[in-house]
Amino acid sequence: MSNWSGLSFGLLHALVLIIDSYPFTAANEPFWNGLGTISIYGLILVLVTTD
């Protein structure tokens, strides 16, 4: 199970990086937008790896 969740998270990370390659360079509120992007990564990681 952990192999699949790790693989899924890695693929999701690559997909999000293609869409939003520089999260801290937004036109409006760059710090908060970058922090939100990192927190979404953390949320997805927790949701995928919990039982």
N, C-alpha and C. Protein backbone atom coordinates (compact mmCIF):
# COMPACT_ATOMS: atom_id res chain seq x y z
N MET A 1 0.82 -1.20 0.00
CA MET A 1 0.00 0.00 0.00
C MET A 1 0.86 1.26 0.00
N SER A 2 1.92 1.27 0.81
CA SER A 2 2.74 2.49 0.88
C SER A 2 3.49 2.74 -0.42
N ASN A 3 3.80 1.68 -1.17
CA ASN A 3 4.46 1.89 -2.45
C ASN A 3 3.54 2.63 -3.42
N TRP A 4 2.27 2.25 -3.43
CA TRP A 4 1.32 2.91 -4.33
C TRP A 4 1.07 4.34 -3.91
N SER A 5 0.97 4.58 -2.60
CA SER A 5 0.72 5.95 -2.16
C SER A 5 1.94 6.84 -2.43
N GLY A 6 3.13 6.31 -2.25
CA GLY A 6 4.33 7.08 -2.56
C GLY A 6 4.44 7.38 -4.05
N LEU A 7 4.13 6.41 -4.86
CA LEU A 7 4.14 6.61 -6.31
C LEU A 7 3.08 7.62 -6.73
N SER A 8 1.90 7.51 -6.15
CA SER A 8 0.82 8.44 -6.48
C SER A 8 1.19 9.86 -6.07
N PHE A 9 1.77 10.02 -4.89
CA PHE A 9 2.15 11.35 -4.44
C PHE A 9 3.26 11.93 -5.31
N GLY A 10 4.19 11.10 -5.72
CA GLY A 10 5.26 11.57 -6.61
C GLY A 10 4.72 12.03 -7.96
N LEU A 11 3.78 11.29 -8.51
CA LEU A 11 3.18 11.69 -9.79
C LEU A 11 2.33 12.95 -9.63
N LEU A 12 1.60 13.05 -8.53
CA LEU A 12 0.82 14.25 -8.28
C LEU A 12 1.72 15.46 -8.12
N HIS A 13 2.83 15.29 -7.43
CA HIS A 13 3.79 16.38 -7.23
C HIS A 13 4.34 16.86 -8.58
N ALA A 14 4.69 15.93 -9.44
CA ALA A 14 5.21 16.30 -10.76
C ALA A 14 4.15 17.02 -11.58
N LEU A 15 2.91 16.56 -11.50
CA LEU A 15 1.82 17.21 -12.24
C LEU A 15 1.59 18.63 -11.75
N VAL A 16 1.59 18.82 -10.45
CA VAL A 16 1.37 20.16 -9.89
C VAL A 16 2.54 21.07 -10.23
N LEU A 17 3.76 20.55 -10.24
CA LEU A 17 4.91 21.38 -10.60
C LEU A 17 4.86 21.82 -12.06
N ILE A 18 4.28 20.99 -12.91
CA ILE A 18 4.12 21.39 -14.31
C ILE A 18 3.11 22.53 -14.41
N ILE A 19 2.03 22.42 -13.65
CA ILE A 19 0.99 23.44 -13.69
C ILE A 19 1.46 24.73 -13.02
N ASP A 20 2.09 24.63 -11.84
CA ASP A 20 2.49 25.81 -11.06
C ASP A 20 3.96 25.63 -10.66
N SER A 21 4.88 26.02 -11.55
CA SER A 21 6.29 25.73 -11.31
C SER A 21 6.94 26.66 -10.29
N TYR A 22 6.38 27.84 -10.05
CA TYR A 22 6.96 28.77 -9.09
C TYR A 22 5.86 29.31 -8.17
N PRO A 23 5.57 28.59 -7.06
CA PRO A 23 4.44 29.00 -6.23
C PRO A 23 4.64 30.32 -5.50
N PHE A 24 5.86 30.74 -5.25
CA PHE A 24 6.09 31.98 -4.50
C PHE A 24 6.28 33.19 -5.42
N THR A 25 5.85 33.09 -6.68
CA THR A 25 5.97 34.22 -7.60
C THR A 25 4.62 34.65 -8.16
N ALA A 26 3.58 34.49 -7.36
CA ALA A 26 2.25 34.89 -7.80
C ALA A 26 2.18 36.42 -7.88
N ALA A 27 1.29 36.92 -8.70
CA ALA A 27 1.16 38.37 -8.86
C ALA A 27 0.55 39.03 -7.64
N ASN A 28 -0.33 38.33 -6.95
CA ASN A 28 -1.02 38.88 -5.79
C ASN A 28 -0.71 38.03 -4.56
N GLU A 29 -0.15 38.63 -3.51
CA GLU A 29 0.18 37.93 -2.25
C GLU A 29 1.05 36.69 -2.50
N PRO A 30 2.27 36.84 -2.99
CA PRO A 30 3.08 35.67 -3.34
C PRO A 30 3.43 34.78 -2.14
N PHE A 31 3.67 35.38 -0.98
CA PHE A 31 4.03 34.55 0.19
C PHE A 31 2.87 33.65 0.60
N TRP A 32 1.67 34.21 0.68
CA TRP A 32 0.51 33.43 1.13
C TRP A 32 0.10 32.40 0.08
N ASN A 33 0.24 32.71 -1.18
CA ASN A 33 -0.07 31.73 -2.22
C ASN A 33 0.92 30.56 -2.19
N GLY A 34 2.19 30.85 -2.00
CA GLY A 34 3.18 29.79 -1.89
C GLY A 34 2.97 28.93 -0.66
N LEU A 35 2.63 29.57 0.46
CA LEU A 35 2.36 28.84 1.69
C LEU A 35 1.12 27.95 1.53
N GLY A 36 0.13 28.45 0.82
CA GLY A 36 -1.07 27.65 0.56
C GLY A 36 -0.77 26.44 -0.32
N THR A 37 0.10 26.62 -1.30
CA THR A 37 0.48 25.50 -2.17
C THR A 37 1.19 24.42 -1.37
N ILE A 38 2.11 24.82 -0.50
CA ILE A 38 2.84 23.85 0.33
C ILE A 38 1.89 23.16 1.31
N SER A 39 0.94 23.88 1.86
CA SER A 39 0.00 23.26 2.79
C SER A 39 -0.93 22.28 2.09
N ILE A 40 -1.29 22.57 0.84
CA ILE A 40 -2.10 21.60 0.08
C ILE A 40 -1.30 20.33 -0.18
N TYR A 41 0.00 20.46 -0.48
CA TYR A 41 0.86 19.27 -0.62
C TYR A 41 0.83 18.44 0.66
N GLY A 42 0.96 19.11 1.79
CA GLY A 42 0.94 18.40 3.07
C GLY A 42 -0.38 17.73 3.32
N LEU A 43 -1.49 18.42 3.01
CA LEU A 43 -2.81 17.83 3.20
C LEU A 43 -3.00 16.60 2.33
N ILE A 44 -2.59 16.67 1.09
CA ILE A 44 -2.72 15.53 0.19
C ILE A 44 -1.85 14.37 0.69
N LEU A 45 -0.67 14.67 1.17
CA LEU A 45 0.22 13.62 1.69
C LEU A 45 -0.43 12.94 2.89
N VAL A 46 -1.00 13.69 3.80
CA VAL A 46 -1.66 13.09 4.97
C VAL A 46 -2.87 12.27 4.55
N LEU A 47 -3.67 12.79 3.63
CA LEU A 47 -4.87 12.05 3.21
C LEU A 47 -4.52 10.75 2.49
N VAL A 48 -3.46 10.77 1.71
CA VAL A 48 -3.10 9.56 0.95
C VAL A 48 -2.48 8.50 1.86
N THR A 49 -1.76 8.90 2.86
CA THR A 49 -1.01 7.93 3.66
C THR A 49 -1.74 7.47 4.92
N THR A 50 -2.93 8.01 5.22
CA THR A 50 -3.66 7.54 6.40
C THR A 50 -4.51 6.33 6.05
N ASP A 51 -4.80 5.56 7.06
CA ASP A 51 -5.61 4.35 6.85
C ASP A 51 -7.08 4.65 6.98
